[in-house]
Amino acid sequence: MMMTGFGIFGVLLYLFFLGCGVYAFILFIKLATRGIRALDLYIADKIEQRNSRF
């Protein structure tokens, strides 16, 4: 007999990919905040260098 619909394997596969998507989104947010922090430090360093020249 052929089964139709998701089935238990389909549901588990769906939950697995949903979890991977959430995990990837969290990693992206962490990377973005780290990049913003690094950019802020770079800008502050350049402003400090410009002010110390004059």
PDB file of N, CA and C in Angstrom:
ATOM      1  N   MET A   1       0.826  -1.177   0.000  1.00  0.00           N
ATOM      2  CA  MET A   1       0.000   0.000   0.000  1.00  0.00           C
ATOM      3  C   MET A   1       0.878   1.252   0.000  1.00  0.00           C
ATOM      4  N   MET A   2       0.538   2.204  -0.822  1.00  0.00           N
ATOM      5  CA  MET A   2       1.307   3.438  -0.900  1.00  0.00           C
ATOM      6  C   MET A   2       0.738   4.466   0.061  1.00  0.00           C
ATOM      7  N   MET A   3       1.644   5.097   0.819  1.00  0.00           N
ATOM      8  CA  MET A   3       1.191   6.125   1.751  1.00  0.00           C
ATOM      9  C   MET A   3       1.330   7.491   1.092  1.00  0.00           C
ATOM     10  N   THR A   4       0.396   8.339   1.358  1.00  0.00           N
ATOM     11  CA  THR A   4       0.443   9.693   0.811  1.00  0.00           C
ATOM     12  C   THR A   4       0.621  10.674   1.954  1.00  0.00           C
ATOM     13  N   GLY A   5       0.980  11.887   1.617  1.00  0.00           N
ATOM     14  CA  GLY A   5       1.158  12.913   2.636  1.00  0.00           C
ATOM     15  C   GLY A   5       2.579  12.954   3.146  1.00  0.00           C
ATOM     16  N   PHE A   6       2.749  13.639   4.237  1.00  0.00           N
ATOM     17  CA  PHE A   6       4.084  13.830   4.804  1.00  0.00           C
ATOM     18  C   PHE A   6       4.661  12.548   5.375  1.00  0.00           C
ATOM     19  N   GLY A   7       3.966  11.942   6.255  1.00  0.00           N
ATOM     20  CA  GLY A   7       4.510  10.784   6.948  1.00  0.00           C
ATOM     21  C   GLY A   7       5.462  11.244   8.039  1.00  0.00           C
ATOM     22  N   ILE A   8       5.900  10.314   8.846  1.00  0.00           N
ATOM     23  CA  ILE A   8       6.760  10.660   9.975  1.00  0.00           C
ATOM     24  C   ILE A   8       8.136  11.117   9.499  1.00  0.00           C
ATOM     25  N   PHE A   9       8.634  10.500   8.423  1.00  0.00           N
ATOM     26  CA  PHE A   9       9.943  10.887   7.899  1.00  0.00           C
ATOM     27  C   PHE A   9       9.912  12.311   7.352  1.00  0.00           C
ATOM     28  N   GLY A  10       8.841  12.673   6.682  1.00  0.00           N
ATOM     29  CA  GLY A  10       8.708  14.029   6.147  1.00  0.00           C
ATOM     30  C   GLY A  10       8.648  15.071   7.243  1.00  0.00           C
ATOM     31  N   VAL A  11       7.933  14.757   8.305  1.00  0.00           N
ATOM     32  CA  VAL A  11       7.829  15.691   9.431  1.00  0.00           C
ATOM     33  C   VAL A  11       9.186  15.858  10.101  1.00  0.00           C
ATOM     34  N   LEU A  12       9.907  14.746  10.302  1.00  0.00           N
ATOM     35  CA  LEU A  12      11.236  14.839  10.912  1.00  0.00           C
ATOM     36  C   LEU A  12      12.196  15.620  10.023  1.00  0.00           C
ATOM     37  N   LEU A  13      12.119  15.400   8.731  1.00  0.00           N
ATOM     38  CA  LEU A  13      12.967  16.137   7.797  1.00  0.00           C
ATOM     39  C   LEU A  13      12.635  17.624   7.820  1.00  0.00           C
ATOM     40  N   TYR A  14      11.353  17.945   7.877  1.00  0.00           N
ATOM     41  CA  TYR A  14      10.919  19.335   7.951  1.00  0.00           C
ATOM     42  C   TYR A  14      11.430  19.993   9.229  1.00  0.00           C
ATOM     43  N   LEU A  15      11.312  19.310  10.361  1.00  0.00           N
ATOM     44  CA  LEU A  15      11.795  19.864  11.626  1.00  0.00           C
ATOM     45  C   LEU A  15      13.306  20.038  11.620  1.00  0.00           C
ATOM     46  N   PHE A  16      14.019  19.101  11.000  1.00  0.00           N
ATOM     47  CA  PHE A  16      15.474  19.204  10.899  1.00  0.00           C
ATOM     48  C   PHE A  16      15.878  20.455  10.121  1.00  0.00           C
ATOM     49  N   PHE A  17      15.267  20.664   8.968  1.00  0.00           N
ATOM     50  CA  PHE A  17      15.613  21.830   8.158  1.00  0.00           C
ATOM     51  C   PHE A  17      15.152  23.127   8.809  1.00  0.00           C
ATOM     52  N   LEU A  18      14.058  23.094   9.522  1.00  0.00           N
ATOM     53  CA  LEU A  18      13.612  24.271  10.259  1.00  0.00           C
ATOM     54  C   LEU A  18      14.621  24.624  11.347  1.00  0.00           C
ATOM     55  N   GLY A  19      15.110  23.629  12.068  1.00  0.00           N
ATOM     56  CA  GLY A  19      16.129  23.859  13.089  1.00  0.00           C
ATOM     57  C   GLY A  19      17.422  24.384  12.495  1.00  0.00           C
ATOM     58  N   CYS A  20      17.824  23.833  11.348  1.00  0.00           N
ATOM     59  CA  CYS A  20      19.039  24.325  10.679  1.00  0.00           C
ATOM     60  C   CYS A  20      18.865  25.776  10.239  1.00  0.00           C
ATOM     61  N   GLY A  21      17.689  26.128   9.782  1.00  0.00           N
ATOM     62  CA  GLY A  21      17.424  27.505   9.370  1.00  0.00           C
ATOM     63  C   GLY A  21      17.487  28.475  10.531  1.00  0.00           C
ATOM     64  N   VAL A  22      16.916  28.095  11.658  1.00  0.00           N
ATOM     65  CA  VAL A  22      16.962  28.948  12.849  1.00  0.00           C
ATOM     66  C   VAL A  22      18.399  29.102  13.330  1.00  0.00           C
ATOM     67  N   TYR A  23      19.160  28.008  13.328  1.00  0.00           N
ATOM     68  CA  TYR A  23      20.557  28.049  13.752  1.00  0.00           C
ATOM     69  C   TYR A  23      21.381  28.944  12.825  1.00  0.00           C
ATOM     70  N   ALA A  24      21.161  28.837  11.523  1.00  0.00           N
ATOM     71  CA  ALA A  24      21.879  29.676  10.561  1.00  0.00           C
ATOM     72  C   ALA A  24      21.521  31.142  10.754  1.00  0.00           C
ATOM     73  N   PHE A  25      20.264  31.437  11.053  1.00  0.00           N
ATOM     74  CA  PHE A  25      19.846  32.820  11.286  1.00  0.00           C
ATOM     75  C   PHE A  25      20.523  33.387  12.526  1.00  0.00           C
ATOM     76  N   ILE A  26      20.622  32.596  13.589  1.00  0.00           N
ATOM     77  CA  ILE A  26      21.295  33.047  14.811  1.00  0.00           C
ATOM     78  C   ILE A  26      22.769  33.310  14.539  1.00  0.00           C
ATOM     79  N   LEU A  27      23.425  32.422  13.788  1.00  0.00           N
ATOM     80  CA  LEU A  27      24.831  32.640  13.440  1.00  0.00           C
ATOM     81  C   LEU A  27      25.007  33.896  12.593  1.00  0.00           C
ATOM     82  N   PHE A  28      24.073  34.165  11.692  1.00  0.00           N
ATOM     83  CA  PHE A  28      24.148  35.370  10.871  1.00  0.00           C
ATOM     84  C   PHE A  28      24.012  36.622  11.728  1.00  0.00           C
ATOM     85  N   ILE A  29      23.109  36.606  12.701  1.00  0.00           N
ATOM     86  CA  ILE A  29      22.941  37.760  13.586  1.00  0.00           C
ATOM     87  C   ILE A  29      24.213  37.993  14.388  1.00  0.00           C
ATOM     88  N   LYS A  30      24.834  36.925  14.902  1.00  0.00           N
ATOM     89  CA  LYS A  30      26.087  37.068  15.645  1.00  0.00           C
ATOM     90  C   LYS A  30      27.185  37.647  14.759  1.00  0.00           C
ATOM     91  N   LEU A  31      27.271  37.177  13.525  1.00  0.00           N
ATOM     92  CA  LEU A  31      28.277  37.681  12.596  1.00  0.00           C
ATOM     93  C   LEU A  31      28.031  39.152  12.278  1.00  0.00           C
ATOM     94  N   ALA A  32      26.787  39.538  12.098  1.00  0.00           N
ATOM     95  CA  ALA A  32      26.460  40.928  11.788  1.00  0.00           C
ATOM     96  C   ALA A  32      26.811  41.847  12.950  1.00  0.00           C
ATOM     97  N   THR A  33      26.516  41.435  14.179  1.00  0.00           N
ATOM     98  CA  THR A  33      26.848  42.287  15.323  1.00  0.00           C
ATOM     99  C   THR A  33      28.354  42.402  15.492  1.00  0.00           C
ATOM    100  N   ARG A  34      29.085  41.320  15.228  1.00  0.00           N
ATOM    101  CA  ARG A  34      30.548  41.379  15.306  1.00  0.00           C
ATOM    102  C   ARG A  34      31.101  42.315  14.236  1.00  0.00           C
ATOM    103  N   GLY A  35      30.538  42.272  13.049  1.00  0.00           N
ATOM    104  CA  GLY A  35      30.978  43.159  11.970  1.00  0.00           C
ATOM    105  C   GLY A  35      30.688  44.613  12.273  1.00  0.00           C
ATOM    106  N   ILE A  36      29.539  44.893  12.849  1.00  0.00           N
ATOM    107  CA  ILE A  36      29.193  46.265  13.213  1.00  0.00           C
ATOM    108  C   ILE A  36      30.140  46.777  14.288  1.00  0.00           C
ATOM    109  N   ARG A  37      30.457  45.938  15.270  1.00  0.00           N
ATOM    110  CA  ARG A  37      31.388  46.330  16.328  1.00  0.00           C
ATOM    111  C   ARG A  37      32.776  46.620  15.753  1.00  0.00           C
ATOM    112  N   ALA A  38      33.234  45.779  14.826  1.00  0.00           N
ATOM    113  CA  ALA A  38      34.540  45.987  14.199  1.00  0.00           C
ATOM    114  C   ALA A  38      34.546  47.269  13.372  1.00  0.00           C
ATOM    115  N   LEU A  39      33.459  47.551  12.679  1.00  0.00           N
ATOM    116  CA  LEU A  39      33.371  48.777  11.898  1.00  0.00           C
ATOM    117  C   LEU A  39      33.376  49.999  12.803  1.00  0.00           C
ATOM    118  N   ASP A  40      32.691  49.939  13.933  1.00  0.00           N
ATOM    119  CA  ASP A  40      32.712  51.045  14.887  1.00  0.00           C
ATOM    120  C   ASP A  40      34.118  51.300  15.411  1.00  0.00           C
ATOM    121  N   LEU A  41      34.860  50.229  15.724  1.00  0.00           N
ATOM    122  CA  LEU A  41      36.239  50.392  16.189  1.00  0.00           C
ATOM    123  C   LEU A  41      37.121  50.986  15.098  1.00  0.00           C
ATOM    124  N   TYR A  42      36.927  50.566  13.871  1.00  0.00           N
ATOM    125  CA  TYR A  42      37.712  51.091  12.751  1.00  0.00           C
ATOM    126  C   TYR A  42      37.442  52.579  12.558  1.00  0.00           C
ATOM    127  N   ILE A  43      36.183  52.970  12.595  1.00  0.00           N
ATOM    128  CA  ILE A  43      35.823  54.380  12.420  1.00  0.00           C
ATOM    129  C   ILE A  43      36.382  55.211  13.565  1.00  0.00           C
ATOM    130  N   ALA A  44      36.275  54.720  14.795  1.00  0.00           N
ATOM    131  CA  ALA A  44      36.805  55.456  15.943  1.00  0.00           C
ATOM    132  C   ALA A  44      38.316  55.610  15.828  1.00  0.00           C
ATOM    133  N   ASP A  45      39.009  54.588  15.360  1.00  0.00           N
ATOM    134  CA  ASP A  45      40.460  54.659  15.188  1.00  0.00           C
ATOM    135  C   ASP A  45      40.827  55.683  14.123  1.00  0.00           C
ATOM    136  N   LYS A  46      40.104  55.710  13.022  1.00  0.00           N
ATOM    137  CA  LYS A  46      40.395  56.677  11.956  1.00  0.00           C
ATOM    138  C   LYS A  46      40.116  58.107  12.415  1.00  0.00           C
ATOM    139  N   ILE A  47      39.071  58.315  13.181  1.00  0.00           N
ATOM    140  CA  ILE A  47      38.767  59.651  13.700  1.00  0.00           C
ATOM    141  C   ILE A  47      39.853  60.085  14.672  1.00  0.00           C
ATOM    142  N   GLU A  48      40.318  59.163  15.517  1.00  0.00           N
ATOM    143  CA  GLU A  48      41.382  59.472  16.469  1.00  0.00           C
ATOM    144  C   GLU A  48      42.678  59.818  15.741  1.00  0.00           C
ATOM    145  N   GLN A  49      43.001  59.093  14.683  1.00  0.00           N
ATOM    146  CA  GLN A  49      44.207  59.392  13.903  1.00  0.00           C
ATOM    147  C   GLN A  49      44.103  60.757  13.240  1.00  0.00           C
ATOM    148  N   ARG A  50      42.942  61.098  12.734  1.00  0.00           N
ATOM    149  CA  ARG A  50      42.757  62.385  12.074  1.00  0.00           C
ATOM    150  C   ARG A  50      42.862  63.525  13.082  1.00  0.00           C
ATOM    151  N   ASN A  51      42.308  63.338  14.279  1.00  0.00           N
ATOM    152  CA  ASN A  51      42.354  64.387  15.294  1.00  0.00           C
ATOM    153  C   ASN A  51      43.750  64.551  15.876  1.00  0.00           C
ATOM    154  N   SER A  52      44.529  63.491  15.938  1.00  0.00           N
ATOM    155  CA  SER A  52      45.868  63.598  16.518  1.00  0.00           C
ATOM    156  C   SER A  52      46.843  64.255  15.546  1.00  0.00           C
ATOM    157  N   ARG A  53      46.525  64.274  14.272  1.00  0.00           N
ATOM    158  CA  ARG A  53      47.394  64.908  13.283  1.00  0.00           C
ATOM    159  C   ARG A  53      47.361  66.418  13.390  1.00  0.00           C
ATOM    160  N   PHE A  54      46.223  66.967  13.755  1.00  0.00           N
ATOM    161  CA  PHE A  54      46.080  68.425  13.781  1.00  0.00           C
ATOM    162  C   PHE A  54      46.218  68.993  15.144  1.00  0.00           C
TER     163      PHE A  54
END
